[in-house]
Amino acid sequence: MTTGDDHRHCKVCGKVCGAGQETCSSGCRDRLAQRQQSRQNSVRLMYLLIFIVVVAFAIELIH
């Protein structure tokens, strides 16, 4: 039994797909893009909240 890297599994559904592919179909590709966009939006929101807290503390220290 060989363990070569001749195939990969879809990052969304887990089905076998080609060695150079992350997903097995356009539907899975769309779902992966939605997940990545959602994750990116969450990170942006986290940075925005941290910025707001830091600014609030800075303003409080000045007064």
C-alpha atoms as a PDB file:
ATOM      1  CA  MET A   1       0.000   0.000   0.000  1.00  0.00           C
ATOM      2  CA  THR A   2       1.462   3.344  -1.020  1.00  0.00           C
ATOM      3  CA  THR A   3       0.855   6.682   0.655  1.00  0.00           C
ATOM      4  CA  GLY A   4       1.717   8.938  -2.286  1.00  0.00           C
ATOM      5  CA  ASP A   5       0.273  12.405  -2.690  1.00  0.00           C
ATOM      6  CA  ASP A   6      -1.741  11.548  -5.797  1.00  0.00           C
ATOM      7  CA  HIS A   7      -5.023  12.945  -4.455  1.00  0.00           C
ATOM      8  CA  ARG A   8      -6.453  15.304  -1.850  1.00  0.00           C
ATOM      9  CA  HIS A   9      -9.745  15.580  -0.048  1.00  0.00           C
ATOM     10  CA  CYS A  10     -12.194  18.430  -0.487  1.00  0.00           C
ATOM     11  CA  LYS A  11     -11.888  21.029   2.282  1.00  0.00           C
ATOM     12  CA  VAL A  12     -15.676  21.331   2.443  1.00  0.00           C
ATOM     13  CA  CYS A  13     -17.214  17.884   2.062  1.00  0.00           C
ATOM     14  CA  GLY A  14     -14.230  15.541   2.331  1.00  0.00           C
ATOM     15  CA  LYS A  15     -14.671  13.801  -1.019  1.00  0.00           C
ATOM     16  CA  VAL A  16     -11.577  12.870  -3.004  1.00  0.00           C
ATOM     17  CA  CYS A  17     -10.508  15.491  -5.544  1.00  0.00           C
ATOM     18  CA  GLY A  18      -7.458  16.081  -7.725  1.00  0.00           C
ATOM     19  CA  ALA A  19      -3.990  16.638  -6.312  1.00  0.00           C
ATOM     20  CA  GLY A  20      -3.931  20.325  -7.259  1.00  0.00           C
ATOM     21  CA  GLN A  21      -7.467  21.133  -6.117  1.00  0.00           C
ATOM     22  CA  GLU A  22      -8.830  22.309  -2.782  1.00  0.00           C
ATOM     23  CA  THR A  23     -12.459  21.464  -3.548  1.00  0.00           C
ATOM     24  CA  CYS A  24     -14.291  18.833  -5.566  1.00  0.00           C
ATOM     25  CA  SER A  25     -16.925  21.035  -7.226  1.00  0.00           C
ATOM     26  CA  SER A  26     -17.970  24.614  -7.899  1.00  0.00           C
ATOM     27  CA  GLY A  27     -20.566  24.360  -5.111  1.00  0.00           C
ATOM     28  CA  CYS A  28     -17.901  23.427  -2.579  1.00  0.00           C
ATOM     29  CA  ARG A  29     -15.635  26.146  -3.988  1.00  0.00           C
ATOM     30  CA  ASP A  30     -18.404  28.711  -3.397  1.00  0.00           C
ATOM     31  CA  ARG A  31     -19.009  27.464   0.157  1.00  0.00           C
ATOM     32  CA  LEU A  32     -15.274  27.623   0.893  1.00  0.00           C
ATOM     33  CA  ALA A  33     -15.142  31.204  -0.412  1.00  0.00           C
ATOM     34  CA  GLN A  34     -18.101  32.136   1.812  1.00  0.00           C
ATOM     35  CA  ARG A  35     -16.398  30.603   4.858  1.00  0.00           C
ATOM     36  CA  GLN A  36     -13.166  32.460   4.125  1.00  0.00           C
ATOM     37  CA  GLN A  37     -15.036  35.755   3.651  1.00  0.00           C
ATOM     38  CA  SER A  38     -16.927  35.235   6.905  1.00  0.00           C
ATOM     39  CA  ARG A  39     -13.696  34.446   8.752  1.00  0.00           C
ATOM     40  CA  GLN A  40     -12.048  37.553   7.271  1.00  0.00           C
ATOM     41  CA  ASN A  41     -15.002  39.712   8.348  1.00  0.00           C
ATOM     42  CA  SER A  42     -14.773  38.302  11.879  1.00  0.00           C
ATOM     43  CA  VAL A  43     -11.068  39.153  12.074  1.00  0.00           C
ATOM     44  CA  ARG A  44     -11.743  42.695  10.854  1.00  0.00           C
ATOM     45  CA  LEU A  45     -14.477  43.124  13.459  1.00  0.00           C
ATOM     46  CA  MET A  46     -12.138  41.880  16.196  1.00  0.00           C
ATOM     47  CA  TYR A  47      -9.450  44.403  15.186  1.00  0.00           C
ATOM     48  CA  LEU A  48     -12.043  47.180  15.076  1.00  0.00           C
ATOM     49  CA  LEU A  49     -13.258  46.331  18.570  1.00  0.00           C
ATOM     50  CA  ILE A  50      -9.698  46.241  19.912  1.00  0.00           C
ATOM     51  CA  PHE A  51      -9.042  49.632  18.319  1.00  0.00           C
ATOM     52  CA  ILE A  52     -12.197  51.087  19.905  1.00  0.00           C
ATOM     53  CA  VAL A  53     -11.234  49.768  23.349  1.00  0.00           C
ATOM     54  CA  VAL A  54      -7.695  51.167  23.056  1.00  0.00           C
ATOM     55  CA  VAL A  55      -9.010  54.567  21.959  1.00  0.00           C
ATOM     56  CA  ALA A  56     -11.535  54.581  24.804  1.00  0.00           C
ATOM     57  CA  PHE A  57      -8.777  53.852  27.331  1.00  0.00           C
ATOM     58  CA  ALA A  58      -6.579  56.547  25.789  1.00  0.00           C
ATOM     59  CA  ILE A  59      -9.372  59.093  26.014  1.00  0.00           C
ATOM     60  CA  GLU A  60     -10.071  58.086  29.616  1.00  0.00           C
ATOM     61  CA  LEU A  61      -6.386  58.525  30.540  1.00  0.00           C
ATOM     62  CA  ILE A  62      -6.277  61.999  28.998  1.00  0.00           C
ATOM     63  CA  HIS A  63      -9.276  63.251  30.992  1.00  0.00           C
END
